[in-house]
Amino acid sequence: MRCRRALTAAAALLAGAACGSPEPVAARAPHSPVAPVGAILRSLPETIDPGAHYLIYLHNQFLETAAPGQEHPQFGPYQYEEILAAFAERRLIVVAERREPDADPAVWADRVVRQVRMLIASGAPPEKITVAGFSKGGAIALLASAGLGEDDVNFVILAGCGRWASARPDLVPRGRLLSIFEASDDLAGSCQALLARAPPGSETHELEVRLGGGHGAFFVPRPEWIDPTVKWALGS
């Protein structure tokens, strides 16, 4: 019964990406001071280093409502801070905000688009900006790629393509798009059908990993998916 509840919740996580229409975010996100390379920030820095690489990380739906220390009933602890640290240790400036419960994917995609545009306007080259999202965060990243329309911005979709994608024939992702999915995951799989819609000028690639653990493979900062994400962010 526990498994069934977990699978239902996770399926709802992915299905949620198809819901809702964009609404304006009333206030602009606050800024952090200038960030050193390898920093973990909860908002954009005030001063942009044009030589640095920026990674906006979008978490899964579970973290929207999880209490401190709460474990997922099927996949165990979501090692969110450890994942952020793994990216920061590889000399990326990490920007990571926790979403509110039942966050609207369309609203958050618009927020990410604004963040990327602010980075570019402040001097960050598009090719040094990456949006990486896991599960519902991956769906938000895909929506943001379509809304942004920048060929040179990097996107990494971690187990982000589920049934919701087939319900969005209007969605045309764009940019440097990398999909990573786990072979044993019965909640999210290949993004290939969606990536095939990307227009000329985009770059797409997909990687299947075989770590076991299904959707939970991305709950832990494993080098098998962390390293390809970082390489993609660095232009490899």
Foldseek 3Di string as FASTA:
>chain_A
DLVVVLLVVLLVQLLLLLDDDADEDDDQDDADDDDFFLAEAQHHHPAADQVAAEEEEAETLCQQPDDVPDARSQQGAQPVVQQSNLLSVVRHHYHYHHDHHSDRLNHVLVSVLVRLVVNVVNNHPQLRYEYEYAASSLSSQQSNQQVNVDARHHYERELHAAPNVVVCPVRAGHYAYEYEYEPQAPNGDDCVVNPVRHDPSHHYYYYYDHPDSHSSVNSDNDCVPSVVRSCVSVPD
